Amino acid sequence: MKYRLKLIFLLFCGSVAFVHSDAQFRKYSNEFLNIGAGARGLAMGGAQVASTEDGNAGYWNPSGLVYVYEHPAISFMHAEYFAGIGKYDYLNAAFPLNDKFKTLGVSLLRFGVDDIPNTLYLVEPDGSINYNNIQSFSSADYAFVLSYSQLFKDEDKKQLSWGANTKIIHRKVGSFAQSWGFGFDVGFMYKTPTWRMGVAARDITTTFNAWSFSFDDRAKEVLYLTNNDIPVKSTELTAPQLVLAGAYNFAFGEKFHLLAEADMNLTFDGKRNTVVSADPVSIDPKFGLEANINDVLYLRAGVSNFQQALADGDTLNQKKVWIYQPSLGAGFKVGNVAIDYAFTNLANQGNPLYTHVFSLRLDLIPKSLEAKKRGSFPSLPRAEQSKKQKGYYPQQ
């Protein structure tokens, strides 16, 4: 195990060093992978790396998947952005393995804009406009994520887990362009009954997208006559990121808990418009709260995306103010079904662009266990039953 951790650490350090030696990295490559997964996470401002414990952990921090330990679970989220122009869908399935300390997850993501008018052939060779030549196409980004999580320390109510993701990325713009890419993530989580700490290293070996383009002779002619470049091939690289997170669970009796989490997103591709903007490291903080009422009702809030912007009415462009992205949400859980909702500002405080997000989680509990889920847990060893009944494991 020590050699495995050393190897992961060396891979991450090597990828960070490679970032500084190559100026071709794009700061905002594969941005659809930074949207989020699940209304719970979006309502908490994306502060999830230390506390995620359901199937959505495959997105936020794969080490949290190990807490889907008793039965498979399915999660789904749908959101529409920019008045329905953009559509984002996320589907996840988590499968505990036989020994209860390992979990496998599969996630699918799609962000797409459909029915985009193609005006490339709008103007005929004689200069006339023919609206019948307008066709539509879609621009969509896809990701397939295979996740694995394992608990490798479990003693005295202290747990340490690790996880990893393998990502396959496909991006397609009509029939004109498409790309394939690959990447890897790793994550760690340390948990006690009150404190939780998490680390997520994303794109640890850099994630690349190899683009290819396809234009017929007529399209090439139009592009040439309109002084547009005709691309052939290109490679887009995504630099590594590191997220450090901590959370604390405040207990007010047995039926009310308040979870507070803070995440620090570290990027290594130069200065960004963040709270800490430096070269080579910039830091973007995220904060989230979740009130848990009897494991049935959840109220959430978060804030993220801190940026500096020019103050309104400043005609001299000299005064800057801090703006941010707030979010709110709620969740409701009955039996093996959980429904979550988030109301989030996609832009920031200075330029609000709000959207509604819904997600659904379904625990696939066998009928033989469903009637006993609040009593004993026959699928676990006797020692694990005792831990479960004492609240050692999270509620599912």
Protein backbone atom coordinates (compact mmCIF):
# COMPACT_ATOMS: atom_id res chain seq x y z
CA MET A 1 0.00 0.00 0.00
CA LYS A 2 2.85 2.42 0.81
CA TYR A 3 4.36 1.89 -2.64
CA ARG A 4 0.98 2.59 -4.26
CA LEU A 5 0.60 5.88 -2.40
CA LYS A 6 4.16 6.90 -3.31
CA LEU A 7 3.48 6.14 -6.96
CA ILE A 8 0.31 8.27 -6.97
CA PHE A 9 2.20 11.12 -5.29
CA LEU A 10 5.04 10.97 -7.82
CA LEU A 11 2.61 10.91 -10.73
CA PHE A 12 0.87 14.02 -9.43
CA CYS A 13 4.12 15.90 -8.78
CA GLY A 14 5.40 14.96 -12.20
CA SER A 15 2.25 16.17 -13.90
CA VAL A 16 2.45 19.51 -12.05
CA ALA A 17 6.07 19.93 -13.14
CA PHE A 18 5.06 19.17 -16.72
CA VAL A 19 2.49 21.97 -16.57
CA HIS A 20 5.22 24.55 -16.04
CA SER A 21 7.26 23.27 -18.98
CA ASP A 22 4.47 23.40 -21.56
CA ALA A 23 2.69 26.63 -22.50
CA GLN A 24 0.00 24.89 -24.56
CA PHE A 25 -2.32 24.06 -21.67
CA ARG A 26 -5.73 25.69 -21.76
CA LYS A 27 -6.92 27.04 -18.43
CA TYR A 28 -10.55 26.19 -19.07
CA SER A 29 -10.31 22.91 -20.97
CA ASN A 30 -13.12 20.36 -20.50
CA GLU A 31 -15.08 22.85 -18.41
CA PHE A 32 -18.22 20.72 -18.57
CA LEU A 33 -16.49 18.40 -16.08
CA ASN A 34 -16.45 21.26 -13.55
CA ILE A 35 -20.24 21.82 -13.46
CA GLY A 36 -20.90 19.39 -10.62
CA ALA A 37 -23.00 16.32 -9.95
CA GLY A 38 -26.13 16.05 -7.84
CA ALA A 39 -28.33 18.83 -6.51
CA ARG A 40 -26.85 18.36 -3.02
CA GLY A 41 -23.39 19.35 -4.21
CA LEU A 42 -24.62 22.27 -6.30
CA ALA A 43 -26.73 23.60 -3.41
CA MET A 44 -23.63 23.52 -1.17
CA GLY A 45 -21.56 25.51 -3.64
CA GLY A 46 -19.57 22.49 -4.76
CA ALA A 47 -18.07 21.94 -1.29
CA GLN A 48 -18.25 18.14 -1.36
CA VAL A 49 -14.79 16.60 -1.38
CA ALA A 50 -14.74 15.91 2.38
CA SER A 51 -18.37 14.81 2.90
CA THR A 52 -19.64 13.08 -0.25
CA GLU A 53 -20.80 9.57 0.62
CA ASP A 54 -23.24 8.47 -2.08
CA GLY A 55 -22.91 7.52 -5.73
CA ASN A 56 -22.10 11.11 -6.66
CA ALA A 57 -18.76 10.62 -4.90
CA GLY A 58 -17.56 9.16 -8.19
CA TYR A 59 -17.58 12.74 -9.44
CA TRP A 60 -16.47 14.73 -6.37
CA ASN A 61 -14.07 12.38 -4.61
CA PRO A 62 -14.01 8.69 -5.56
CA SER A 63 -12.80 7.66 -2.10
CA GLY A 64 -16.28 8.46 -0.72
CA LEU A 65 -17.87 5.72 -2.83
CA VAL A 66 -16.86 3.13 -0.23
CA TYR A 67 -19.77 4.34 1.94
CA VAL A 68 -22.20 2.88 -0.59
CA TYR A 69 -21.44 -0.39 1.15
CA GLU A 70 -24.71 -2.26 1.69
CA HIS A 71 -26.63 -2.31 -1.60
CA PRO A 72 -26.37 -0.76 -5.08
CA ALA A 73 -27.56 2.78 -5.63
CA ILE A 74 -28.52 4.83 -8.70
CA SER A 75 -28.34 8.63 -8.99
CA PHE A 76 -29.65 10.89 -11.74
CA MET A 77 -29.58 14.64 -12.29
CA HIS A 78 -30.98 16.89 -14.99
CA ALA A 79 -30.43 20.63 -15.36
CA GLU A 80 -31.09 23.18 -18.07
CA TYR A 81 -28.95 26.26 -18.51
CA PHE A 82 -29.41 29.56 -20.33
CA ALA A 83 -33.21 29.33 -20.56
CA GLY A 84 -33.11 25.72 -21.73
CA ILE A 85 -30.49 26.23 -24.44
CA GLY A 86 -27.95 24.00 -22.72
CA LYS A 87 -28.89 20.67 -21.14
CA TYR A 88 -26.81 18.80 -18.59
CA ASP A 89 -27.47 15.20 -17.55
CA TYR A 90 -25.63 13.02 -15.05
CA LEU A 91 -26.24 9.33 -14.33
CA ASN A 92 -24.39 7.23 -11.79
CA ALA A 93 -24.58 3.65 -10.52
CA ALA A 94 -22.59 2.37 -7.53
CA PHE A 95 -22.08 -1.33 -6.77
CA PRO A 96 -20.66 -2.55 -3.44
CA LEU A 97 -18.38 -5.54 -3.82
CA ASN A 98 -18.70 -8.70 -1.75
CA ASP A 99 -16.49 -7.80 1.22
CA LYS A 100 -18.34 -4.52 1.97
CA PHE A 101 -15.12 -2.49 1.95
CA LYS A 102 -14.81 -1.93 -1.79
CA THR A 103 -17.20 -0.18 -4.18
CA LEU A 104 -17.29 0.15 -7.95
CA GLY A 105 -18.99 3.11 -9.65
CA VAL A 106 -19.95 4.02 -13.21
CA SER A 107 -20.92 7.57 -14.25
CA LEU A 108 -22.13 9.12 -17.50
CA LEU A 109 -22.23 12.87 -18.17
CA ARG A 110 -23.55 14.86 -21.09
CA PHE A 111 -23.63 18.60 -21.64
CA GLY A 112 -25.10 19.61 -24.96
CA VAL A 113 -26.60 22.42 -26.98
CA ASP A 114 -28.99 21.12 -29.64
CA ASP A 115 -30.60 22.66 -32.72
CA ILE A 116 -27.78 25.09 -33.49
CA PRO A 117 -28.40 26.79 -36.89
CA ASN A 118 -25.70 26.08 -39.45
CA THR A 119 -25.49 29.20 -41.64
CA LEU A 120 -22.38 28.11 -43.52
CA TYR A 121 -24.33 27.77 -46.78
CA LEU A 122 -26.79 30.62 -46.18
CA VAL A 123 -25.33 32.73 -48.99
CA GLU A 124 -25.48 31.26 -52.49
CA PRO A 125 -22.53 31.68 -54.92
CA ASP A 126 -24.42 34.48 -56.69
CA GLY A 127 -24.72 36.44 -53.42
CA SER A 128 -28.41 35.71 -52.76
CA ILE A 129 -29.62 34.47 -49.39
CA ASN A 130 -31.35 31.10 -49.29
CA TYR A 131 -32.85 30.31 -45.89
CA ASN A 132 -33.62 26.77 -47.03
CA ASN A 133 -29.90 26.05 -46.78
CA ILE A 134 -29.93 26.49 -43.01
CA GLN A 135 -29.56 23.17 -41.21
CA SER A 136 -29.19 22.42 -37.52
CA PHE A 137 -26.58 20.47 -35.58
CA SER A 138 -25.71 19.65 -31.98
CA SER A 139 -22.61 20.37 -29.93
CA ALA A 140 -22.25 17.92 -27.06
CA ASP A 141 -19.65 16.84 -24.53
CA TYR A 142 -19.70 13.32 -23.07
CA ALA A 143 -17.75 11.66 -20.28
CA PHE A 144 -17.67 8.06 -19.09
CA VAL A 145 -16.14 7.65 -15.62
CA LEU A 146 -15.22 4.32 -14.04
CA SER A 147 -14.59 4.64 -10.28
CA TYR A 148 -13.15 2.36 -7.62
CA SER A 149 -13.04 2.97 -3.87
CA GLN A 150 -11.58 1.00 -0.98
CA LEU A 151 -11.45 1.36 2.81
CA PHE A 152 -7.95 0.53 4.01
CA LYS A 153 -8.03 1.74 7.60
CA ASP A 154 -10.90 1.10 10.03
CA GLU A 155 -10.12 1.29 13.72
CA ASP A 156 -11.28 3.18 16.79
CA LYS A 157 -14.00 5.01 14.81
CA LYS A 158 -11.40 6.41 12.42
CA GLN A 159 -11.64 5.51 8.76
CA LEU A 160 -9.30 6.17 5.85
CA SER A 161 -10.32 5.39 2.29
CA TRP A 162 -8.94 5.97 -1.18
CA GLY A 163 -10.43 5.93 -4.65
CA ALA A 164 -9.57 6.47 -8.30
CA ASN A 165 -11.31 7.44 -11.54
CA THR A 166 -10.61 6.57 -15.14
CA LYS A 167 -12.24 9.08 -17.51
CA ILE A 168 -13.03 8.70 -21.20
CA ILE A 169 -14.12 11.96 -22.82
CA HIS A 170 -15.83 12.43 -26.17
CA ARG A 171 -16.70 15.84 -27.61
CA LYS A 172 -18.58 16.30 -30.86
CA VAL A 173 -19.58 19.38 -32.85
CA GLY A 174 -22.02 18.32 -35.56
CA SER A 175 -20.23 16.51 -38.35
CA PHE A 176 -17.42 19.07 -38.37
CA ALA A 177 -15.29 18.15 -35.37
CA GLN A 178 -14.87 15.52 -32.70
CA SER A 179 -12.34 14.58 -30.06
CA TRP A 180 -11.44 11.72 -27.75
CA GLY A 181 -9.65 12.14 -24.47
CA PHE A 182 -8.50 10.23 -21.39
CA GLY A 183 -7.70 11.18 -17.82
CA PHE A 184 -7.30 9.94 -14.26
CA ASP A 185 -8.30 11.19 -10.79
CA VAL A 186 -7.40 9.97 -7.30
CA GLY A 187 -8.92 10.83 -3.94
CA PHE A 188 -8.49 10.23 -0.22
CA MET A 189 -10.88 10.66 2.70
CA TYR A 190 -10.31 10.58 6.46
CA LYS A 191 -13.36 10.36 8.68
CA THR A 192 -14.23 10.42 12.37
CA PRO A 193 -17.72 10.81 13.88
CA THR A 194 -17.28 14.61 13.78
CA TRP A 195 -14.33 15.55 11.55
CA ARG A 196 -13.98 14.75 7.86
CA MET A 197 -11.07 15.57 5.58
CA GLY A 198 -10.70 14.93 1.88
CA VAL A 199 -8.19 15.30 -0.93
CA ALA A 200 -9.04 15.04 -4.62
CA ALA A 201 -6.32 15.19 -7.27
CA ARG A 202 -7.94 15.62 -10.67
CA ASP A 203 -6.34 15.01 -14.06
CA ILE A 204 -3.20 13.85 -12.26
CA THR A 205 -1.36 12.85 -15.44
CA THR A 206 -2.98 15.67 -17.43
CA THR A 207 -6.10 14.97 -19.48
CA PHE A 208 -5.85 15.37 -23.22
CA ASN A 209 -8.37 15.70 -26.04
CA ALA A 210 -7.21 14.86 -29.56
CA TRP A 211 -9.37 16.79 -32.04
CA SER A 212 -10.03 15.88 -35.67
CA PHE A 213 -11.97 17.98 -38.16
CA SER A 214 -13.96 17.10 -41.25
CA PHE A 215 -15.13 19.63 -43.86
CA ASP A 216 -16.28 18.93 -47.39
CA ASP A 217 -14.90 20.90 -50.34
CA ARG A 218 -17.83 23.33 -50.36
CA ALA A 219 -17.39 24.10 -46.67
CA LYS A 220 -13.66 24.63 -47.12
CA GLU A 221 -14.34 27.05 -49.93
CA VAL A 222 -16.74 29.08 -47.80
CA LEU A 223 -14.29 29.17 -44.90
CA TYR A 224 -11.50 30.30 -47.22
CA LEU A 225 -13.57 33.04 -48.82
CA THR A 226 -14.62 34.36 -45.41
CA ASN A 227 -11.01 34.48 -44.13
CA ASN A 228 -11.48 31.65 -41.63
CA ASP A 229 -8.80 29.11 -40.83
CA ILE A 230 -9.42 25.51 -41.85
CA PRO A 231 -8.33 23.35 -38.88
CA VAL A 232 -6.92 19.89 -39.45
CA LYS A 233 -5.90 18.41 -36.08
CA SER A 234 -5.23 19.77 -32.62
CA THR A 235 -4.60 18.58 -29.07
CA GLU A 236 -6.16 20.17 -26.00
CA LEU A 237 -4.57 19.52 -22.60
CA THR A 238 -6.16 19.89 -19.17
CA ALA A 239 -3.77 20.68 -16.33
CA PRO A 240 -3.97 18.91 -12.94
CA GLN A 241 -5.97 20.35 -10.05
CA LEU A 242 -5.82 19.62 -6.34
CA VAL A 243 -8.74 20.07 -3.93
CA LEU A 244 -8.12 20.14 -0.16
CA ALA A 245 -11.27 19.93 1.97
CA GLY A 246 -12.36 19.79 5.58
CA ALA A 247 -15.78 19.38 7.20
CA TYR A 248 -17.19 19.27 10.71
CA ASN A 249 -20.47 17.71 11.79
CA PHE A 250 -22.18 19.59 14.64
CA ALA A 251 -24.67 17.44 16.56
CA PHE A 252 -27.59 19.13 18.35
CA GLY A 253 -29.23 16.13 19.91
CA GLU A 254 -30.01 12.97 17.97
CA LYS A 255 -32.32 14.45 15.35
CA PHE A 256 -30.54 17.59 14.21
CA HIS A 257 -27.07 17.87 12.67
CA LEU A 258 -25.30 20.73 10.93
CA LEU A 259 -22.49 19.92 8.53
CA ALA A 260 -20.08 22.70 7.53
CA GLU A 261 -17.50 22.18 4.79
CA ALA A 262 -14.77 24.27 3.18
CA ASP A 263 -12.94 23.26 -0.01
CA MET A 264 -9.83 24.86 -1.50
CA ASN A 265 -9.34 24.28 -5.22
CA LEU A 266 -5.69 24.66 -6.22
CA THR A 267 -4.79 25.15 -9.88
CA PHE A 268 -1.28 25.16 -11.30
CA ASP A 269 -1.66 26.85 -14.69
CA GLY A 270 -0.87 30.44 -13.72
CA LYS A 271 -2.91 33.34 -12.42
CA ARG A 272 -6.69 33.12 -12.34
CA ASN A 273 -9.32 35.55 -11.10
CA THR A 274 -9.62 33.86 -7.70
CA VAL A 275 -9.18 34.77 -4.03
CA VAL A 276 -5.51 33.78 -4.20
CA SER A 277 -4.17 34.59 -7.66
CA ALA A 278 -0.50 33.79 -8.13
CA ASP A 279 1.91 32.09 -10.46
CA PRO A 280 2.07 29.13 -10.45
CA VAL A 281 -0.68 28.41 -7.87
CA SER A 282 -4.15 29.97 -7.64
CA ILE A 283 -6.68 29.05 -4.93
CA ASP A 284 -10.46 29.12 -5.34
CA PRO A 285 -12.42 28.48 -2.09
CA LYS A 286 -15.91 26.98 -1.76
CA PHE A 287 -18.09 26.85 1.34
CA GLY A 288 -21.20 24.80 2.08
CA LEU A 289 -23.68 24.08 4.89
CA GLU A 290 -26.18 21.25 5.30
CA ALA A 291 -28.80 20.99 8.06
CA ASN A 292 -29.96 17.41 8.61
CA ILE A 293 -33.31 17.03 10.33
CA ASN A 294 -33.91 13.43 11.45
CA ASP A 295 -32.28 12.05 8.26
CA VAL A 296 -35.46 13.02 6.40
CA LEU A 297 -35.31 16.74 5.60
CA TYR A 298 -32.16 18.56 4.49
CA LEU A 299 -31.63 22.30 4.07
CA ARG A 300 -28.51 23.49 2.24
CA ALA A 301 -26.63 26.64 1.25
CA GLY A 302 -23.31 27.41 -0.35
CA VAL A 303 -21.12 30.08 -1.87
CA SER A 304 -18.34 29.77 -4.46
CA ASN A 305 -16.75 31.37 -7.53
CA PHE A 306 -15.24 34.39 -5.75
CA GLN A 307 -13.98 36.92 -8.30
CA GLN A 308 -12.95 40.54 -8.48
CA ALA A 309 -14.95 42.80 -10.80
CA LEU A 310 -15.27 46.48 -11.53
CA ALA A 311 -17.77 48.26 -9.31
CA ASP A 312 -21.03 49.42 -10.85
CA GLY A 313 -20.96 53.08 -11.80
CA ASP A 314 -17.16 53.30 -11.71
CA THR A 315 -16.51 55.22 -14.92
CA LEU A 316 -12.75 55.34 -14.28
CA ASN A 317 -12.47 51.52 -13.98
CA GLN A 318 -10.40 51.82 -10.82
CA LYS A 319 -12.57 50.41 -8.06
CA LYS A 320 -12.94 46.63 -7.77
CA VAL A 321 -15.34 44.64 -5.61
CA TRP A 322 -15.65 40.97 -4.75
CA ILE A 323 -18.51 39.05 -6.33
CA TYR A 324 -19.51 35.44 -5.72
CA GLN A 325 -21.92 32.69 -6.70
CA PRO A 326 -24.55 31.84 -4.05
CA SER A 327 -26.72 28.72 -3.98
CA LEU A 328 -29.56 27.25 -1.93
CA GLY A 329 -31.30 23.90 -1.85
CA ALA A 330 -33.22 21.25 0.00
CA GLY A 331 -33.57 17.49 0.08
CA PHE A 332 -36.18 14.98 1.17
CA LYS A 333 -35.61 11.30 1.88
CA VAL A 334 -38.28 8.66 2.35
CA GLY A 335 -37.25 5.02 2.56
CA ASN A 336 -34.90 4.20 -0.27
CA VAL A 337 -35.72 7.31 -2.35
CA ALA A 338 -34.08 10.73 -1.99
CA ILE A 339 -35.02 13.83 -3.98
CA ASP A 340 -32.74 16.87 -3.94
CA TYR A 341 -33.21 20.38 -5.29
CA ALA A 342 -30.78 23.25 -5.87
CA PHE A 343 -31.34 26.87 -6.83
CA THR A 344 -28.03 28.19 -8.01
CA ASN A 345 -26.58 31.20 -9.75
CA LEU A 346 -24.52 30.02 -12.70
CA ALA A 347 -22.70 33.32 -13.13
CA ASN A 348 -22.02 35.41 -10.02
CA GLN A 349 -23.52 38.05 -7.77
CA GLY A 350 -22.81 40.83 -10.26
CA ASN A 351 -24.35 39.07 -13.26
CA PRO A 352 -27.00 36.67 -11.93
CA LEU A 353 -28.15 33.74 -14.05
CA TYR A 354 -30.23 31.41 -11.91
CA THR A 355 -31.32 27.88 -12.67
CA HIS A 356 -33.24 25.06 -10.99
CA VAL A 357 -31.59 21.66 -10.57
CA PHE A 358 -33.24 18.40 -9.52
CA SER A 359 -31.64 15.07 -8.76
CA LEU A 360 -32.93 11.67 -7.70
CA ARG A 361 -31.22 8.89 -5.75
CA LEU A 362 -32.59 5.37 -5.50
CA ASP A 363 -31.14 2.70 -3.20
CA LEU A 364 -31.75 -0.75 -4.65
CA ILE A 365 -32.70 -2.51 -1.42
CA PRO A 366 -33.75 -6.18 -1.80
CA LYS A 367 -37.25 -6.93 -0.53
CA SER A 368 -35.81 -9.29 2.07
CA LEU A 369 -33.93 -6.37 3.66
CA GLU A 370 -36.39 -3.56 3.10
CA ALA A 371 -38.59 -4.50 6.06
CA LYS A 372 -35.54 -4.87 8.31
CA LYS A 373 -33.52 -1.83 7.27
CA ARG A 374 -34.25 0.03 10.53
CA GLY A 375 -33.44 -2.98 12.69
CA SER A 376 -30.63 -5.45 12.27
CA PHE A 377 -28.60 -5.68 9.11
CA PRO A 378 -28.26 -9.37 8.20
CA SER A 379 -26.10 -8.62 5.13
CA LEU A 380 -23.27 -7.38 7.41
CA PRO A 381 -21.08 -9.38 9.78
CA ARG A 382 -22.09 -9.17 13.42
CA ALA A 383 -19.36 -6.64 14.25
CA GLU A 384 -20.51 -4.47 11.36
CA GLN A 385 -24.15 -4.69 12.54
CA SER A 386 -23.08 -3.25 15.88
CA LYS A 387 -21.25 -0.38 14.20
CA LYS A 388 -24.24 0.35 12.00
CA GLN A 389 -26.68 0.43 14.90
CA LYS A 390 -24.41 2.82 16.82
CA GLY A 391 -24.39 5.27 13.94
CA TYR A 392 -20.80 4.47 12.96
CA TYR A 393 -21.62 4.33 9.27
CA PRO A 394 -23.45 7.09 7.41
CA GLN A 395 -27.14 6.90 6.75
CA GLN A 396 -27.89 5.66 3.24
